[in-house]
Amino acid sequence: YIIWYDYNIAIQGGGGGVLVVGLSWIDLVLRLIPEGLIIILAGYAISKKPICIKLYLSSSVIFAIFTFGLKNLPISAVLPIILSSAIAVLLLVFVNKIKIIHSIISTTVCLLLSILFEGVNLFVLDRYLNVDTYGVFTNVTPLLKQLYTLPSLLLLATIVITYFFIVRRKKSSYEVI
C-alpha cells in the first residue's frame, strides 16, 4: 500500500514536492517487517540458497527499519521506494551472500507484484466495497489502514512462499541452516 499510495500522490501532483508519509510503529510491525521477511525470502527462493535463519531475520528487520526511516524523511514520494529496493539488494548481496543478479531479480519482482496487488486491492476497495481509498491513507488509524491493505501483503506472501516451497521441493538438498 505504501508503494501504491506514494505512486498515487506522485500522479495527483505531489510528485514534484516533498512528502512525508509519516508511518507509525504499527506500520513498522504490521507491514514493514513482514514485507522485509517476504522480500528476503524471495531472494533465497530465486537463488535456491539454503536459508540461514539468523541472517534472514536480521536482514528483514534491518530492511524494515531502513524503510521506516526513509518513509519518514521529507523527500520525494517515489525516492523511498527506489532506496528501499536498493537496500534490499544490498542486504541480499552483502549480508545473505546471494548473487547480485538473483538479488536484483527478486527485489524487482517483489516490487512489481506489490504494486500490482496493491492496485488491485485499492480497486476492489473503491469499486466493490465503496471505501474511500484516499481516506484510507489520510483519515484512518494506522491499525485500520493496515487492515485495509492486508490483502495485498497476504497475496504477495502467498506467492513468494508457494514459489519457495516449489523450488525447495525440486531441489532435494535445500535446507534451512
C-alpha atoms as a PDB file:
ATOM      1  CA  TYR A   1       0.000   0.000   0.000  1.00  0.00           C
ATOM      2  CA  ILE A   2       2.800   2.378   0.769  1.00  0.00           C
ATOM      3  CA  ILE A   3       4.229   1.984  -2.718  1.00  0.00           C
ATOM      4  CA  TRP A   4       0.841   2.448  -4.382  1.00  0.00           C
ATOM      5  CA  TYR A   5      -0.012   5.398  -2.139  1.00  0.00           C
ATOM      6  CA  ASP A   6       3.270   7.123  -2.989  1.00  0.00           C
ATOM      7  CA  TYR A   7       2.641   6.463  -6.674  1.00  0.00           C
ATOM      8  CA  ASN A   8      -0.880   7.910  -6.465  1.00  0.00           C
ATOM      9  CA  ILE A   9       0.391  11.060  -4.763  1.00  0.00           C
ATOM     10  CA  ALA A  10       3.065  11.460  -7.445  1.00  0.00           C
ATOM     11  CA  ILE A  11       0.397  11.170 -10.176  1.00  0.00           C
ATOM     12  CA  GLN A  12      -2.009  13.534  -8.418  1.00  0.00           C
ATOM     13  CA  GLY A  13       0.506  16.349  -8.394  1.00  0.00           C
ATOM     14  CA  GLY A  14       2.506  15.695  -5.253  1.00  0.00           C
ATOM     15  CA  GLY A  15       5.399  14.003  -7.029  1.00  0.00           C
ATOM     16  CA  GLY A  16       7.359  17.179  -7.557  1.00  0.00           C
ATOM     17  CA  GLY A  17       7.084  18.294  -3.958  1.00  0.00           C
ATOM     18  CA  VAL A  18       8.189  16.927  -0.666  1.00  0.00           C
ATOM     19  CA  LEU A  19       6.022  14.367   1.077  1.00  0.00           C
ATOM     20  CA  VAL A  20       6.410  12.704   4.423  1.00  0.00           C
ATOM     21  CA  VAL A  21       4.235   9.587   4.529  1.00  0.00           C
ATOM     22  CA  GLY A  22       4.515   9.528   8.319  1.00  0.00           C
ATOM     23  CA  LEU A  23       4.497   5.881   9.300  1.00  0.00           C
ATOM     24  CA  SER A  24       3.739   4.772  12.826  1.00  0.00           C
ATOM     25  CA  TRP A  25       5.219   1.925  14.850  1.00  0.00           C
ATOM     26  CA  ILE A  26       2.145  -0.114  13.936  1.00  0.00           C
ATOM     27  CA  ASP A  27       3.152   0.260  10.281  1.00  0.00           C
ATOM     28  CA  LEU A  28       6.656  -0.935  11.123  1.00  0.00           C
ATOM     29  CA  VAL A  29       5.478  -4.028  12.963  1.00  0.00           C
ATOM     30  CA  LEU A  30       2.439  -4.995  10.876  1.00  0.00           C
ATOM     31  CA  ARG A  31       3.669  -4.036   7.417  1.00  0.00           C
ATOM     32  CA  LEU A  32       7.368  -3.347   7.033  1.00  0.00           C
ATOM     33  CA  ILE A  33       8.790  -6.280   8.992  1.00  0.00           C
ATOM     34  CA  PRO A  34       6.523  -8.815   7.204  1.00  0.00           C
ATOM     35  CA  GLU A  35       7.358  -7.122   3.888  1.00  0.00           C
ATOM     36  CA  GLY A  36      11.058  -7.463   4.695  1.00  0.00           C
ATOM     37  CA  LEU A  37      10.598 -11.140   5.518  1.00  0.00           C
ATOM     38  CA  ILE A  38       8.866 -11.670   2.176  1.00  0.00           C
ATOM     39  CA  ILE A  39      11.476  -9.796   0.108  1.00  0.00           C
ATOM     40  CA  ILE A  40      14.432 -11.556   1.724  1.00  0.00           C
ATOM     41  CA  LEU A  41      12.689 -14.939   1.371  1.00  0.00           C
ATOM     42  CA  ALA A  42      12.170 -14.213  -2.331  1.00  0.00           C
ATOM     43  CA  GLY A  43      15.923 -13.671  -2.667  1.00  0.00           C
ATOM     44  CA  TYR A  44      16.609 -17.044  -1.089  1.00  0.00           C
ATOM     45  CA  ALA A  45      13.964 -18.730  -3.246  1.00  0.00           C
ATOM     46  CA  ILE A  46      15.277 -17.328  -6.530  1.00  0.00           C
ATOM     47  CA  SER A  47      18.889 -18.097  -5.644  1.00  0.00           C
ATOM     48  CA  LYS A  48      17.990 -21.592  -4.364  1.00  0.00           C
ATOM     49  CA  LYS A  49      20.394 -20.962  -1.494  1.00  0.00           C
ATOM     50  CA  PRO A  50      19.823 -22.582   1.910  1.00  0.00           C
ATOM     51  CA  ILE A  51      18.351 -20.169   4.432  1.00  0.00           C
ATOM     52  CA  CYS A  52      20.446 -19.037   7.351  1.00  0.00           C
ATOM     53  CA  ILE A  53      17.753 -18.078   9.858  1.00  0.00           C
ATOM     54  CA  LYS A  54      19.913 -15.571  11.744  1.00  0.00           C
ATOM     55  CA  LEU A  55      20.882 -13.688   8.558  1.00  0.00           C
ATOM     56  CA  TYR A  56      17.355 -13.958   7.174  1.00  0.00           C
ATOM     57  CA  LEU A  57      15.710 -12.454  10.258  1.00  0.00           C
ATOM     58  CA  SER A  58      18.330  -9.774  10.832  1.00  0.00           C
ATOM     59  CA  SER A  59      18.218  -8.683   7.170  1.00  0.00           C
ATOM     60  CA  SER A  60      14.443  -8.464   7.286  1.00  0.00           C
ATOM     61  CA  VAL A  61      14.455  -6.290  10.393  1.00  0.00           C
ATOM     62  CA  ILE A  62      17.246  -4.063   9.044  1.00  0.00           C
ATOM     63  CA  PHE A  63      15.290  -3.638   5.802  1.00  0.00           C
ATOM     64  CA  ALA A  64      12.154  -2.690   7.763  1.00  0.00           C
ATOM     65  CA  ILE A  65      13.985  -0.167   9.946  1.00  0.00           C
ATOM     66  CA  PHE A  66      15.706   1.500   6.985  1.00  0.00           C
ATOM     67  CA  THR A  67      12.435   1.641   5.049  1.00  0.00           C
ATOM     68  CA  PHE A  68      10.668   3.073   8.095  1.00  0.00           C
ATOM     69  CA  GLY A  69      13.296   5.786   8.343  1.00  0.00           C
ATOM     70  CA  LEU A  70      13.165   6.559   4.627  1.00  0.00           C
ATOM     71  CA  LYS A  71       9.379   6.869   4.618  1.00  0.00           C
ATOM     72  CA  ASN A  72       9.560   9.397   7.453  1.00  0.00           C
ATOM     73  CA  LEU A  73      12.070  11.666   5.702  1.00  0.00           C
ATOM     74  CA  PRO A  74      10.890  14.838   3.944  1.00  0.00           C
ATOM     75  CA  ILE A  75      11.839  13.643   0.453  1.00  0.00           C
ATOM     76  CA  SER A  76      10.080  12.927  -2.825  1.00  0.00           C
ATOM     77  CA  ALA A  77       7.334  10.300  -2.659  1.00  0.00           C
ATOM     78  CA  VAL A  78       8.992   7.877  -5.079  1.00  0.00           C
ATOM     79  CA  LEU A  79      12.558   8.121  -3.755  1.00  0.00           C
ATOM     80  CA  PRO A  80      11.967   5.886  -0.677  1.00  0.00           C
ATOM     81  CA  ILE A  81      10.718   3.113  -2.971  1.00  0.00           C
ATOM     82  CA  ILE A  82      13.904   3.217  -5.034  1.00  0.00           C
ATOM     83  CA  LEU A  83      16.138   3.459  -1.967  1.00  0.00           C
ATOM     84  CA  SER A  84      14.308   0.631  -0.173  1.00  0.00           C
ATOM     85  CA  SER A  85      14.771  -1.576  -3.221  1.00  0.00           C
ATOM     86  CA  ALA A  86      18.480  -0.732  -3.263  1.00  0.00           C
ATOM     87  CA  ILE A  87      18.745  -1.547   0.440  1.00  0.00           C
ATOM     88  CA  ALA A  88      17.049  -4.913  -0.149  1.00  0.00           C
ATOM     89  CA  VAL A  89      19.522  -5.733  -2.929  1.00  0.00           C
ATOM     90  CA  LEU A  90      22.493  -4.689  -0.774  1.00  0.00           C
ATOM     91  CA  LEU A  91      21.276  -6.772   2.187  1.00  0.00           C
ATOM     92  CA  LEU A  92      20.729  -9.803  -0.036  1.00  0.00           C
ATOM     93  CA  VAL A  93      24.189  -9.482  -1.602  1.00  0.00           C
ATOM     94  CA  PHE A  94      26.383  -8.461   1.321  1.00  0.00           C
ATOM     95  CA  VAL A  95      24.627  -9.981   4.334  1.00  0.00           C
ATOM     96  CA  ASN A  96      22.945 -13.058   2.856  1.00  0.00           C
ATOM     97  CA  LYS A  97      25.639 -13.709   0.208  1.00  0.00           C
ATOM     98  CA  ILE A  98      23.146 -14.058  -2.633  1.00  0.00           C
ATOM     99  CA  LYS A  99      24.355 -13.308  -6.164  1.00  0.00           C
ATOM    100  CA  ILE A 100      23.611  -9.781  -7.291  1.00  0.00           C
ATOM    101  CA  ILE A 101      21.569 -10.889 -10.307  1.00  0.00           C
ATOM    102  CA  HIS A 102      19.304 -13.016  -8.074  1.00  0.00           C
ATOM    103  CA  SER A 103      19.018 -10.124  -5.618  1.00  0.00           C
ATOM    104  CA  ILE A 104      18.011  -7.656  -8.308  1.00  0.00           C
ATOM    105  CA  ILE A 105      15.534 -10.064  -9.896  1.00  0.00           C
ATOM    106  CA  SER A 106      13.865 -10.993  -6.603  1.00  0.00           C
ATOM    107  CA  THR A 107      13.607  -7.395  -5.405  1.00  0.00           C
ATOM    108  CA  THR A 108      12.237  -6.186  -8.741  1.00  0.00           C
ATOM    109  CA  VAL A 109       9.683  -8.987  -8.942  1.00  0.00           C
ATOM    110  CA  CYS A 110       8.525  -8.294  -5.383  1.00  0.00           C
ATOM    111  CA  LEU A 111       8.252  -4.575  -6.128  1.00  0.00           C
ATOM    112  CA  LEU A 112       6.231  -5.124  -9.304  1.00  0.00           C
ATOM    113  CA  LEU A 113       3.948  -7.723  -7.700  1.00  0.00           C
ATOM    114  CA  SER A 114       3.444  -5.456  -4.714  1.00  0.00           C
ATOM    115  CA  ILE A 115       2.409  -2.546  -6.944  1.00  0.00           C
ATOM    116  CA  LEU A 116       0.066  -4.813  -8.907  1.00  0.00           C
ATOM    117  CA  PHE A 117      -1.567  -6.347  -5.829  1.00  0.00           C
ATOM    118  CA  GLU A 118      -1.897  -3.010  -4.062  1.00  0.00           C
ATOM    119  CA  GLY A 119      -3.554  -1.563  -7.157  1.00  0.00           C
ATOM    120  CA  VAL A 120      -5.997  -4.453  -7.344  1.00  0.00           C
ATOM    121  CA  ASN A 121      -6.682  -4.158  -3.619  1.00  0.00           C
ATOM    122  CA  LEU A 122      -7.415  -0.430  -3.909  1.00  0.00           C
ATOM    123  CA  PHE A 123      -9.602  -1.047  -6.951  1.00  0.00           C
ATOM    124  CA  VAL A 124     -11.673  -3.634  -5.059  1.00  0.00           C
ATOM    125  CA  LEU A 125     -11.950  -1.391  -2.000  1.00  0.00           C
ATOM    126  CA  ASP A 126     -13.043   1.551  -4.138  1.00  0.00           C
ATOM    127  CA  ARG A 127     -15.312  -0.076  -6.713  1.00  0.00           C
ATOM    128  CA  TYR A 128     -16.861  -3.011  -4.886  1.00  0.00           C
ATOM    129  CA  LEU A 129     -16.680  -2.149  -1.192  1.00  0.00           C
ATOM    130  CA  ASN A 130     -17.273   1.614  -1.586  1.00  0.00           C
ATOM    131  CA  VAL A 131     -14.342   2.533   0.641  1.00  0.00           C
ATOM    132  CA  ASP A 132     -12.850   5.997   0.221  1.00  0.00           C
ATOM    133  CA  THR A 133      -9.359   4.833  -0.749  1.00  0.00           C
ATOM    134  CA  TYR A 134      -7.850   8.295  -0.372  1.00  0.00           C
ATOM    135  CA  GLY A 135      -9.310   8.435   3.136  1.00  0.00           C
ATOM    136  CA  VAL A 136      -7.757   5.070   3.976  1.00  0.00           C
ATOM    137  CA  PHE A 137      -4.342   6.729   3.873  1.00  0.00           C
ATOM    138  CA  THR A 138      -5.236  10.080   5.400  1.00  0.00           C
ATOM    139  CA  ASN A 139      -8.195   9.780   7.755  1.00  0.00           C
ATOM    140  CA  VAL A 140      -7.984   6.404   9.494  1.00  0.00           C
ATOM    141  CA  THR A 141      -5.920   4.948  12.304  1.00  0.00           C
ATOM    142  CA  PRO A 142      -2.718   3.101  11.406  1.00  0.00           C
ATOM    143  CA  LEU A 143      -4.267  -0.192  12.525  1.00  0.00           C
ATOM    144  CA  LEU A 144      -7.320   0.247  10.294  1.00  0.00           C
ATOM    145  CA  LYS A 145      -5.048   1.268   7.415  1.00  0.00           C
ATOM    146  CA  GLN A 146      -3.128  -1.980   7.879  1.00  0.00           C
ATOM    147  CA  LEU A 147      -6.346  -3.997   7.854  1.00  0.00           C
ATOM    148  CA  TYR A 148      -7.453  -2.370   4.608  1.00  0.00           C
ATOM    149  CA  THR A 149      -4.120  -3.086   2.939  1.00  0.00           C
ATOM    150  CA  LEU A 150      -3.587  -6.567   4.361  1.00  0.00           C
ATOM    151  CA  PRO A 151      -4.963  -8.486   1.326  1.00  0.00           C
ATOM    152  CA  SER A 152      -2.179  -7.263  -0.983  1.00  0.00           C
ATOM    153  CA  LEU A 153       0.506  -8.243   1.537  1.00  0.00           C
ATOM    154  CA  LEU A 154      -1.061 -11.663   2.077  1.00  0.00           C
ATOM    155  CA  LEU A 155      -1.264 -12.270  -1.660  1.00  0.00           C
ATOM    156  CA  LEU A 156       2.408 -11.348  -2.120  1.00  0.00           C
ATOM    157  CA  ALA A 157       3.370 -13.577   0.818  1.00  0.00           C
ATOM    158  CA  THR A 158       1.342 -16.471  -0.581  1.00  0.00           C
ATOM    159  CA  ILE A 159       3.041 -16.256  -3.966  1.00  0.00           C
ATOM    160  CA  VAL A 160       6.567 -15.949  -2.551  1.00  0.00           C
ATOM    161  CA  ILE A 161       6.081 -18.749  -0.001  1.00  0.00           C
ATOM    162  CA  THR A 162       4.496 -21.017  -2.626  1.00  0.00           C
ATOM    163  CA  TYR A 163       7.400 -20.369  -5.011  1.00  0.00           C
ATOM    164  CA  PHE A 164       9.866 -21.011  -2.179  1.00  0.00           C
ATOM    165  CA  PHE A 165       8.336 -24.410  -1.430  1.00  0.00           C
ATOM    166  CA  ILE A 166       8.104 -25.361  -5.117  1.00  0.00           C
ATOM    167  CA  VAL A 167      11.811 -24.584  -5.544  1.00  0.00           C
ATOM    168  CA  ARG A 168      12.610 -26.368  -2.299  1.00  0.00           C
ATOM    169  CA  ARG A 169      10.744 -29.490  -3.410  1.00  0.00           C
ATOM    170  CA  LYS A 170      12.634 -29.548  -6.720  1.00  0.00           C
ATOM    171  CA  LYS A 171      15.999 -29.218  -5.000  1.00  0.00           C
ATOM    172  CA  SER A 172      16.365 -32.043  -2.519  1.00  0.00           C
ATOM    173  CA  SER A 173      19.417 -30.529  -0.806  1.00  0.00           C
ATOM    174  CA  TYR A 174      17.535 -27.309   0.002  1.00  0.00           C
ATOM    175  CA  GLU A 175      17.733 -26.791   3.732  1.00  0.00           C
ATOM    176  CA  VAL A 176      17.417 -24.250   6.482  1.00  0.00           C
ATOM    177  CA  ILE A 177      20.559 -23.503   8.466  1.00  0.00           C
END
